[in-house]
Amino acid sequence: MTRVRVTAPRSAARPAVESREAAEESAVGQVFVRSLIRSQLRLALVVAGGFLLVLGAFPLLAAIPGLAESRIAGIPLDWLLLGTGIYPVTGISAWLYIRSAARNEARYRDLAEDR
């Protein structure tokens, strides 16, 4: 049995990667990379902080009077909110992070290619 190596054809996009790598090696390119890293770190901290803040507020739902007595399909409303309410919060946090991180990287690419 013969092994076959399957690769993608070489394209014109290759020089853009090489020029980006060359930009990273220059002093200005290193500043751009550090700026990207800082902006991604700041974004991660803001999204994680917001997520933890909302997550920490969920147990406070149990302190609302009358919520434990309310039932939907036999399940107490506070348990239902605690059990299912975190999933939309997680999804929205992830969506915001991905969208913002992609925007940060696009800005970096624009700066690196303009050089």
N, C-alpha and C. Protein backbone atom coordinates (compact mmCIF):
# COMPACT_ATOMS: atom_id res chain seq x y z
N MET A 1 0.85 -1.17 0.00
CA MET A 1 0.00 0.00 0.00
C MET A 1 0.90 1.24 0.00
N THR A 2 0.62 2.14 -0.91
CA THR A 2 1.43 3.34 -1.06
C THR A 2 0.78 4.49 -0.32
N ARG A 3 1.60 5.25 0.36
CA ARG A 3 1.09 6.43 1.05
C ARG A 3 1.05 7.61 0.09
N VAL A 4 -0.01 8.37 0.17
CA VAL A 4 -0.18 9.54 -0.68
C VAL A 4 -0.37 10.74 0.23
N ARG A 5 0.36 11.77 -0.05
CA ARG A 5 0.23 13.01 0.73
C ARG A 5 -0.62 13.99 -0.06
N VAL A 6 -1.71 14.43 0.56
CA VAL A 6 -2.63 15.36 -0.08
C VAL A 6 -2.39 16.73 0.52
N THR A 7 -2.11 17.70 -0.34
CA THR A 7 -1.89 19.06 0.13
C THR A 7 -2.72 20.03 -0.69
N ALA A 8 -2.91 21.20 -0.12
CA ALA A 8 -3.62 22.24 -0.85
C ALA A 8 -2.67 22.88 -1.85
N PRO A 9 -3.20 23.32 -2.97
CA PRO A 9 -2.33 23.98 -3.95
C PRO A 9 -1.81 25.30 -3.41
N ARG A 10 -0.64 25.67 -3.84
CA ARG A 10 -0.07 26.96 -3.44
C ARG A 10 -0.92 28.07 -4.05
N SER A 11 -1.19 29.08 -3.25
CA SER A 11 -2.05 30.16 -3.75
C SER A 11 -1.35 31.50 -3.59
N ALA A 12 -2.00 32.53 -4.06
CA ALA A 12 -1.44 33.88 -3.97
C ALA A 12 -1.53 34.42 -2.55
N ALA A 13 -2.27 33.77 -1.68
CA ALA A 13 -2.41 34.25 -0.30
C ALA A 13 -1.14 34.02 0.51
N ARG A 14 -0.25 33.20 0.04
CA ARG A 14 0.97 32.89 0.77
C ARG A 14 1.85 34.11 1.04
N PRO A 15 2.08 35.00 0.10
CA PRO A 15 2.92 36.16 0.39
C PRO A 15 2.36 37.07 1.49
N ALA A 16 1.03 37.12 1.64
CA ALA A 16 0.46 37.95 2.70
C ALA A 16 0.86 37.42 4.06
N VAL A 17 0.91 36.10 4.20
CA VAL A 17 1.34 35.51 5.46
C VAL A 17 2.81 35.82 5.71
N GLU A 18 3.62 35.70 4.67
CA GLU A 18 5.04 35.99 4.82
C GLU A 18 5.27 37.46 5.14
N SER A 19 4.50 38.36 4.52
CA SER A 19 4.68 39.78 4.82
C SER A 19 4.23 40.08 6.24
N ARG A 20 3.21 39.38 6.72
CA ARG A 20 2.76 39.56 8.10
C ARG A 20 3.83 39.08 9.07
N GLU A 21 4.46 37.95 8.74
CA GLU A 21 5.53 37.44 9.60
C GLU A 21 6.71 38.41 9.60
N ALA A 22 7.00 39.00 8.45
CA ALA A 22 8.09 39.98 8.38
C ALA A 22 7.73 41.22 9.19
N ALA A 23 6.46 41.60 9.16
CA ALA A 23 6.03 42.77 9.94
C ALA A 23 6.17 42.50 11.43
N GLU A 24 5.95 41.25 11.85
CA GLU A 24 6.07 40.90 13.26
C GLU A 24 7.53 40.97 13.72
N GLU A 25 8.46 40.77 12.81
CA GLU A 25 9.88 40.78 13.17
C GLU A 25 10.43 42.19 13.31
N SER A 26 9.80 43.19 12.73
CA SER A 26 10.28 44.56 12.84
C SER A 26 9.84 45.15 14.18
N ALA A 27 10.43 46.28 14.53
CA ALA A 27 10.09 46.93 15.80
C ALA A 27 8.63 47.39 15.81
N VAL A 28 8.19 47.96 14.70
CA VAL A 28 6.80 48.40 14.61
C VAL A 28 5.87 47.20 14.64
N GLY A 29 6.25 46.13 13.97
CA GLY A 29 5.44 44.91 13.97
C GLY A 29 5.30 44.33 15.35
N GLN A 30 6.37 44.39 16.13
CA GLN A 30 6.31 43.89 17.51
C GLN A 30 5.37 44.74 18.36
N VAL A 31 5.33 46.03 18.10
CA VAL A 31 4.39 46.91 18.81
C VAL A 31 2.96 46.52 18.45
N PHE A 32 2.72 46.24 17.17
CA PHE A 32 1.38 45.82 16.74
C PHE A 32 0.98 44.52 17.43
N VAL A 33 1.89 43.56 17.50
CA VAL A 33 1.59 42.27 18.11
C VAL A 33 1.30 42.45 19.60
N ARG A 34 2.12 43.25 20.29
CA ARG A 34 1.87 43.50 21.72
C ARG A 34 0.53 44.18 21.93
N SER A 35 0.19 45.10 21.03
CA SER A 35 -1.09 45.79 21.12
C SER A 35 -2.25 44.79 20.94
N LEU A 36 -2.10 43.88 19.99
CA LEU A 36 -3.13 42.86 19.77
C LEU A 36 -3.28 41.98 21.00
N ILE A 37 -2.17 41.56 21.57
CA ILE A 37 -2.22 40.71 22.76
C ILE A 37 -2.90 41.44 23.92
N ARG A 38 -2.55 42.71 24.11
CA ARG A 38 -3.18 43.49 25.19
C ARG A 38 -4.68 43.65 24.96
N SER A 39 -5.07 43.93 23.73
CA SER A 39 -6.49 44.12 23.46
C SER A 39 -7.27 42.82 23.63
N GLN A 40 -6.67 41.70 23.23
CA GLN A 40 -7.34 40.40 23.42
C GLN A 40 -7.44 40.05 24.90
N LEU A 41 -6.39 40.36 25.68
CA LEU A 41 -6.43 40.10 27.12
C LEU A 41 -7.50 40.96 27.79
N ARG A 42 -7.54 42.23 27.43
CA ARG A 42 -8.55 43.13 28.00
C ARG A 42 -9.95 42.64 27.66
N LEU A 43 -10.16 42.22 26.43
CA LEU A 43 -11.46 41.70 26.01
C LEU A 43 -11.83 40.46 26.83
N ALA A 44 -10.88 39.55 26.99
CA ALA A 44 -11.14 38.33 27.76
C ALA A 44 -11.51 38.65 29.20
N LEU A 45 -10.81 39.59 29.80
CA LEU A 45 -11.10 39.96 31.19
C LEU A 45 -12.46 40.63 31.32
N VAL A 46 -12.81 41.49 30.38
CA VAL A 46 -14.12 42.16 30.43
C VAL A 46 -15.25 41.16 30.26
N VAL A 47 -15.13 40.27 29.27
CA VAL A 47 -16.19 39.29 29.04
C VAL A 47 -16.29 38.32 30.22
N ALA A 48 -15.16 37.85 30.73
CA ALA A 48 -15.18 36.94 31.88
C ALA A 48 -15.75 37.64 33.12
N GLY A 49 -15.38 38.89 33.33
CA GLY A 49 -15.91 39.63 34.47
C GLY A 49 -17.42 39.82 34.37
N GLY A 50 -17.89 40.19 33.19
CA GLY A 50 -19.33 40.34 32.99
C GLY A 50 -20.07 39.03 33.17
N PHE A 51 -19.50 37.96 32.65
CA PHE A 51 -20.11 36.64 32.80
C PHE A 51 -20.18 36.24 34.27
N LEU A 52 -19.10 36.43 35.00
CA LEU A 52 -19.08 36.08 36.42
C LEU A 52 -20.04 36.95 37.23
N LEU A 53 -20.17 38.20 36.86
CA LEU A 53 -21.11 39.09 37.53
C LEU A 53 -22.55 38.59 37.35
N VAL A 54 -22.90 38.24 36.12
CA VAL A 54 -24.25 37.73 35.86
C VAL A 54 -24.43 36.37 36.53
N LEU A 55 -23.41 35.54 36.46
CA LEU A 55 -23.48 34.22 37.09
C LEU A 55 -23.66 34.35 38.60
N GLY A 56 -22.97 35.33 39.20
CA GLY A 56 -23.12 35.55 40.64
C GLY A 56 -24.48 36.09 41.02
N ALA A 57 -25.17 36.72 40.07
CA ALA A 57 -26.50 37.27 40.36
C ALA A 57 -27.58 36.19 40.32
N PHE A 58 -27.34 35.08 39.67
CA PHE A 58 -28.35 34.03 39.57
C PHE A 58 -28.77 33.49 40.93
N PRO A 59 -27.85 33.20 41.85
CA PRO A 59 -28.31 32.71 43.17
C PRO A 59 -29.15 33.73 43.93
N LEU A 60 -29.03 35.00 43.60
CA LEU A 60 -29.84 36.01 44.27
C LEU A 60 -31.32 35.88 43.90
N LEU A 61 -31.60 35.15 42.84
CA LEU A 61 -32.99 34.90 42.45
C LEU A 61 -33.73 34.14 43.55
N ALA A 62 -33.00 33.31 44.28
CA ALA A 62 -33.64 32.53 45.34
C ALA A 62 -34.11 33.44 46.47
N ALA A 63 -33.58 34.64 46.57
CA ALA A 63 -33.96 35.56 47.64
C ALA A 63 -35.25 36.32 47.32
N ILE A 64 -35.75 36.20 46.12
CA ILE A 64 -36.99 36.90 45.74
C ILE A 64 -38.17 36.18 46.38
N PRO A 65 -38.94 36.89 47.20
CA PRO A 65 -40.06 36.23 47.88
C PRO A 65 -41.13 35.76 46.88
N GLY A 66 -41.66 34.59 47.12
CA GLY A 66 -42.72 34.05 46.28
C GLY A 66 -42.22 33.32 45.05
N LEU A 67 -40.94 33.43 44.72
CA LEU A 67 -40.43 32.77 43.52
C LEU A 67 -40.39 31.25 43.70
N ALA A 68 -40.07 30.80 44.90
CA ALA A 68 -39.98 29.36 45.16
C ALA A 68 -41.36 28.70 45.08
N GLU A 69 -42.39 29.45 45.38
CA GLU A 69 -43.74 28.87 45.34
C GLU A 69 -44.29 28.81 43.91
N SER A 70 -43.77 29.62 43.01
CA SER A 70 -44.23 29.60 41.62
C SER A 70 -43.69 28.36 40.94
N ARG A 71 -44.55 27.70 40.18
CA ARG A 71 -44.15 26.46 39.52
C ARG A 71 -44.55 26.49 38.05
N ILE A 72 -43.68 25.92 37.22
CA ILE A 72 -43.99 25.72 35.81
C ILE A 72 -43.76 24.24 35.53
N ALA A 73 -44.81 23.56 35.10
CA ALA A 73 -44.77 22.12 34.84
C ALA A 73 -44.28 21.35 36.07
N GLY A 74 -44.67 21.81 37.23
CA GLY A 74 -44.31 21.11 38.47
C GLY A 74 -42.91 21.41 38.99
N ILE A 75 -42.17 22.24 38.27
CA ILE A 75 -40.80 22.57 38.67
C ILE A 75 -40.81 23.97 39.27
N PRO A 76 -40.21 24.16 40.45
CA PRO A 76 -40.16 25.51 41.03
C PRO A 76 -39.46 26.48 40.06
N LEU A 77 -40.02 27.68 39.93
CA LEU A 77 -39.51 28.66 38.97
C LEU A 77 -38.06 29.05 39.25
N ASP A 78 -37.69 29.16 40.53
CA ASP A 78 -36.29 29.53 40.81
C ASP A 78 -35.33 28.43 40.36
N TRP A 79 -35.71 27.17 40.51
CA TRP A 79 -34.85 26.08 40.04
C TRP A 79 -34.77 26.07 38.52
N LEU A 80 -35.90 26.36 37.90
CA LEU A 80 -35.92 26.40 36.44
C LEU A 80 -35.01 27.50 35.91
N LEU A 81 -35.07 28.68 36.54
CA LEU A 81 -34.19 29.77 36.13
C LEU A 81 -32.73 29.44 36.38
N LEU A 82 -32.44 28.86 37.54
CA LEU A 82 -31.05 28.50 37.84
C LEU A 82 -30.53 27.39 36.92
N GLY A 83 -31.41 26.45 36.56
CA GLY A 83 -30.98 25.31 35.74
C GLY A 83 -30.85 25.62 34.26
N THR A 84 -31.70 26.50 33.75
CA THR A 84 -31.68 26.75 32.31
C THR A 84 -31.29 28.18 31.95
N GLY A 85 -31.32 29.09 32.88
CA GLY A 85 -31.05 30.48 32.59
C GLY A 85 -29.60 30.79 32.27
N ILE A 86 -28.69 29.92 32.70
CA ILE A 86 -27.27 30.20 32.49
C ILE A 86 -26.85 29.92 31.04
N TYR A 87 -27.57 29.06 30.34
CA TYR A 87 -27.17 28.71 28.98
C TYR A 87 -27.25 29.89 28.01
N PRO A 88 -28.32 30.68 28.02
CA PRO A 88 -28.30 31.86 27.15
C PRO A 88 -27.21 32.86 27.53
N VAL A 89 -26.93 33.00 28.82
CA VAL A 89 -25.87 33.91 29.26
C VAL A 89 -24.52 33.43 28.73
N THR A 90 -24.28 32.14 28.80
CA THR A 90 -23.03 31.56 28.29
C THR A 90 -22.93 31.77 26.78
N GLY A 91 -24.01 31.52 26.06
CA GLY A 91 -24.00 31.68 24.60
C GLY A 91 -23.78 33.11 24.18
N ILE A 92 -24.45 34.05 24.85
CA ILE A 92 -24.28 35.46 24.50
C ILE A 92 -22.87 35.93 24.81
N SER A 93 -22.32 35.50 25.94
CA SER A 93 -20.94 35.87 26.29
C SER A 93 -19.95 35.34 25.25
N ALA A 94 -20.13 34.10 24.85
CA ALA A 94 -19.24 33.50 23.85
C ALA A 94 -19.37 34.23 22.52
N TRP A 95 -20.60 34.53 22.10
CA TRP A 95 -20.82 35.22 20.83
C TRP A 95 -20.17 36.60 20.85
N LEU A 96 -20.35 37.34 21.95
CA LEU A 96 -19.73 38.67 22.05
C LEU A 96 -18.21 38.58 22.01
N TYR A 97 -17.65 37.58 22.70
CA TYR A 97 -16.20 37.44 22.72
C TYR A 97 -15.66 37.11 21.33
N ILE A 98 -16.27 36.17 20.66
CA ILE A 98 -15.79 35.76 19.33
C ILE A 98 -15.88 36.91 18.34
N ARG A 99 -17.01 37.62 18.36
CA ARG A 99 -17.18 38.75 17.44
C ARG A 99 -16.15 39.85 17.69
N SER A 100 -15.93 40.17 18.96
CA SER A 100 -14.98 41.23 19.30
C SER A 100 -13.54 40.79 19.05
N ALA A 101 -13.22 39.53 19.32
CA ALA A 101 -11.86 39.04 19.07
C ALA A 101 -11.56 39.05 17.57
N ALA A 102 -12.53 38.67 16.77
CA ALA A 102 -12.34 38.70 15.31
C ALA A 102 -12.14 40.14 14.83
N ARG A 103 -12.86 41.08 15.43
CA ARG A 103 -12.70 42.49 15.05
C ARG A 103 -11.29 42.97 15.42
N ASN A 104 -10.80 42.59 16.61
CA ASN A 104 -9.44 42.97 17.01
C ASN A 104 -8.40 42.41 16.04
N GLU A 105 -8.57 41.15 15.65
CA GLU A 105 -7.61 40.53 14.74
C GLU A 105 -7.68 41.16 13.35
N ALA A 106 -8.88 41.53 12.91
CA ALA A 106 -9.01 42.19 11.61
C ALA A 106 -8.31 43.55 11.62
N ARG A 107 -8.44 44.28 12.73
CA ARG A 107 -7.72 45.56 12.85
C ARG A 107 -6.21 45.34 12.80
N TYR A 108 -5.75 44.30 13.48
CA TYR A 108 -4.32 44.00 13.46
C TYR A 108 -3.85 43.67 12.05
N ARG A 109 -4.63 42.83 11.35
CA ARG A 109 -4.27 42.46 9.98
C ARG A 109 -4.21 43.68 9.09
N ASP A 110 -5.18 44.58 9.25
CA ASP A 110 -5.17 45.82 8.44
C ASP A 110 -3.90 46.64 8.72
N LEU A 111 -3.54 46.76 9.99
CA LEU A 111 -2.33 47.51 10.34
C LEU A 111 -1.07 46.83 9.80
N ALA A 112 -1.01 45.49 9.93
CA ALA A 112 0.17 44.76 9.51
C ALA A 112 0.33 44.79 7.98
N GLU A 113 -0.78 44.75 7.26
CA GLU A 113 -0.70 44.74 5.79
C GLU A 113 -0.45 46.14 5.24
N ASP A 114 -0.84 47.19 5.96
CA ASP A 114 -0.61 48.56 5.48
C ASP A 114 0.83 48.97 5.57
N ARG A 115 1.59 48.28 6.38
CA ARG A 115 2.98 48.66 6.58
C ARG A 115 3.77 48.54 5.33
